């Protein structure tokens, strides 16, 4: 359950980052790390199956307890929508693992960005585009690193019983 543990921790750390890292010209640097969260969710689902929904709930509660009230509510609602969408896309799409990761991030990143920015009162099309692009870039880099032969074999080779590696 190493991916599930990293997934839950990453959710909390990203939300703490949104609270404490300053915006850079209207762009939150933590949005790049959200790409890692999206990828870790897919790896965690491959590892623990639909129990990833429980890990999502734990991450949501943990984030809510660590963030300011306004950020916690915005993050919780955006998180629920985007992670639910990602779970659905990943689950329904019967493609190789790498394609499911890509499709699920493409589906959830704009939803997460748009709703989060709207709820904190900072919505703009350019903001959504920049946050979505940074999340996608973070996801691509994270996925590449996690699948790299340089990564620990425990991290790259584990999969749940009966699951296809892709």
Protein backbone atom coordinates (compact mmCIF):
# COMPACT_ATOMS: atom_id res chain seq x y z
CA UNK A 1 0.00 0.00 0.00
CA UNK A 2 2.92 2.29 -0.61
CA UNK A 3 1.26 4.25 -3.43
CA UNK A 4 -1.89 4.72 -1.36
CA UNK A 5 0.16 6.12 1.53
CA UNK A 6 2.07 8.46 -0.80
CA UNK A 7 -1.21 9.50 -2.39
CA UNK A 8 -2.82 10.47 0.93
CA UNK A 9 0.32 12.32 2.06
CA UNK A 10 0.60 14.15 -1.27
CA UNK A 11 -3.00 15.37 -1.02
CA UNK A 12 -2.30 16.93 2.37
CA UNK A 13 1.06 18.42 1.34
CA UNK A 14 -0.37 20.03 -1.79
CA UNK A 15 -3.11 21.72 0.21
CA UNK A 16 -0.60 22.98 2.77
CA UNK A 17 1.43 24.28 -0.20
CA UNK A 18 -1.58 26.20 -1.50
CA UNK A 19 -1.85 27.85 1.93
CA UNK A 20 1.77 28.82 2.43
CA UNK A 21 3.44 29.18 -0.97
CA UNK A 22 2.89 32.63 -2.45
CA UNK A 23 1.18 33.07 -5.81
CA UNK A 24 3.55 33.88 -8.67
CA UNK A 25 1.84 36.35 -11.02
CA UNK A 26 -1.55 34.84 -10.20
CA UNK A 27 -0.30 31.25 -10.55
CA UNK A 28 -0.08 28.91 -7.55
CA UNK A 29 3.16 26.87 -7.80
CA UNK A 30 1.50 24.03 -5.88
CA UNK A 31 -0.61 23.32 -8.94
CA UNK A 32 2.35 21.48 -10.49
CA UNK A 33 2.35 19.12 -7.51
CA UNK A 34 -1.35 18.41 -8.10
CA UNK A 35 -0.20 16.56 -11.23
CA UNK A 36 1.70 14.20 -8.93
CA UNK A 37 -1.43 13.65 -6.85
CA UNK A 38 -3.40 12.71 -9.99
CA UNK A 39 -0.75 10.20 -11.07
CA UNK A 40 -0.38 8.75 -7.58
CA UNK A 41 -4.15 8.19 -7.50
CA UNK A 42 -3.93 6.03 -10.60
CA UNK A 43 -0.98 4.07 -9.21
CA UNK A 44 -2.83 3.68 -5.89
CA UNK A 45 -5.94 2.39 -7.69
CA UNK A 46 -3.83 -0.10 -9.58
CA UNK A 47 -2.35 -1.15 -6.24
CA UNK A 48 -5.48 -1.33 -4.03
CA UNK A 49 -8.37 -1.33 -6.50
CA UNK A 50 -11.55 0.50 -5.62
CA UNK A 51 -10.36 0.89 -2.03
CA UNK A 52 -8.69 3.98 -3.47
CA UNK A 53 -12.01 5.69 -2.72
CA UNK A 54 -11.25 5.24 0.98
CA UNK A 55 -7.78 6.73 0.46
CA UNK A 56 -9.44 9.70 -1.28
CA UNK A 57 -11.70 10.21 1.73
CA UNK A 58 -8.76 10.05 4.16
CA UNK A 59 -6.85 12.61 2.07
CA UNK A 60 -9.89 14.85 1.96
CA UNK A 61 -10.37 14.76 5.74
CA UNK A 62 -6.66 15.31 6.35
CA UNK A 63 -6.59 18.28 3.97
CA UNK A 64 -9.66 19.74 5.59
CA UNK A 65 -7.98 19.56 8.99
CA UNK A 66 -4.75 21.21 7.78
CA UNK A 67 -5.99 24.07 5.63
CA UNK A 68 -7.82 27.32 6.33
CA UNK A 69 -11.61 27.01 6.22
CA UNK A 70 -12.01 28.79 2.85
CA UNK A 71 -9.18 26.85 1.24
CA UNK A 72 -10.34 23.60 2.79
CA UNK A 73 -13.87 23.96 1.39
CA UNK A 74 -12.65 25.01 -2.07
CA UNK A 75 -10.08 22.24 -2.12
CA UNK A 76 -12.51 19.61 -0.84
CA UNK A 77 -15.16 20.40 -3.45
CA UNK A 78 -12.67 20.66 -6.35
CA UNK A 79 -10.93 17.53 -5.11
CA UNK A 80 -14.15 15.55 -4.86
CA UNK A 81 -15.19 16.51 -8.39
CA UNK A 82 -11.80 16.01 -10.04
CA UNK A 83 -10.75 12.85 -8.20
CA UNK A 84 -14.19 11.32 -8.69
CA UNK A 85 -13.96 12.11 -12.39
CA UNK A 86 -10.44 10.71 -12.56
CA UNK A 87 -11.51 7.54 -10.75
CA UNK A 88 -14.40 7.10 -13.18
CA UNK A 89 -12.30 7.69 -16.31
CA UNK A 90 -9.52 5.41 -15.05
CA UNK A 91 -12.01 2.69 -14.09
CA UNK A 92 -14.16 2.78 -17.23
CA UNK A 93 -11.35 3.20 -19.76
CA UNK A 94 -10.07 -0.27 -20.57
CA UNK A 95 -6.84 0.93 -22.12
CA UNK A 96 -3.23 0.25 -21.10
CA UNK A 97 -2.26 1.82 -17.77
CA UNK A 98 -0.23 4.65 -19.32
CA UNK A 99 -3.16 5.73 -21.49
CA UNK A 100 -5.61 5.58 -18.58
CA UNK A 101 -3.28 7.85 -16.57
CA UNK A 102 -3.16 10.32 -19.46
CA UNK A 103 -6.91 10.27 -20.13
CA UNK A 104 -7.84 10.61 -16.48
CA UNK A 105 -5.52 13.60 -15.94
CA UNK A 106 -6.79 15.27 -19.11
CA UNK A 107 -10.36 14.88 -17.84
CA UNK A 108 -9.87 16.00 -14.25
CA UNK A 109 -7.23 18.77 -14.40
CA UNK A 110 -9.48 21.43 -16.01
CA UNK A 111 -12.35 20.56 -13.67
CA UNK A 112 -10.13 20.81 -10.62
CA UNK A 113 -8.54 24.08 -11.75
CA UNK A 114 -11.77 25.79 -12.77
CA UNK A 115 -13.78 24.87 -9.70
CA UNK A 116 -10.94 25.61 -7.27
CA UNK A 117 -10.25 29.04 -8.77
CA UNK A 118 -13.96 29.85 -8.87
CA UNK A 119 -14.46 28.91 -5.23
CA UNK A 120 -11.53 31.02 -4.00
CA UNK A 121 -12.74 33.98 -6.07
CA UNK A 122 -9.85 33.94 -8.53
CA UNK A 123 -11.47 32.40 -11.63
CA UNK A 124 -10.17 33.41 -15.05
CA UNK A 125 -9.83 31.47 -18.29
CA UNK A 126 -6.09 32.16 -18.36
CA UNK A 127 -5.80 30.96 -14.75
CA UNK A 128 -7.60 27.73 -15.59
CA UNK A 129 -5.42 27.18 -18.66
CA UNK A 130 -2.17 27.83 -16.79
CA UNK A 131 -3.15 25.68 -13.80
CA UNK A 132 -4.38 22.88 -16.05
CA UNK A 133 -1.17 22.96 -18.10
CA UNK A 134 1.00 22.95 -14.97
CA UNK A 135 -0.97 20.03 -13.49
CA UNK A 136 -0.65 18.12 -16.73
CA UNK A 137 3.10 18.86 -16.91
CA UNK A 138 3.46 17.74 -13.30
CA UNK A 139 1.55 14.57 -14.10
CA UNK A 140 3.71 13.75 -17.12
CA UNK A 141 6.95 14.31 -15.18
CA UNK A 142 5.67 12.36 -12.16
CA UNK A 143 4.48 9.47 -14.29
CA UNK A 144 7.80 9.36 -16.14
CA UNK A 145 9.78 9.36 -12.92
CA UNK A 146 7.63 6.71 -11.28
CA UNK A 147 7.96 4.46 -14.32
CA UNK A 148 11.69 5.11 -14.73
CA UNK A 149 14.10 2.18 -14.41
CA UNK A 150 15.96 4.36 -11.90
CA UNK A 151 12.97 4.30 -9.54
CA UNK A 152 12.89 1.75 -6.74
CA UNK A 153 11.68 -1.64 -8.02
CA UNK A 154 9.08 -1.73 -5.24
CA UNK A 155 7.54 1.46 -6.59
CA UNK A 156 7.57 0.54 -10.26
CA UNK A 157 6.85 -3.16 -10.36
CA UNK A 158 4.04 -3.70 -7.85
CA UNK A 159 0.53 -4.17 -9.07
CA UNK A 160 -2.56 -5.60 -7.48
CA UNK A 161 -3.23 -9.29 -8.09
CA UNK A 162 -5.00 -9.90 -11.36
CA UNK A 163 -4.26 -6.39 -12.68
CA UNK A 164 -2.60 -5.83 -16.03
CA UNK A 165 0.51 -3.68 -16.07
CA UNK A 166 0.53 -1.14 -18.87
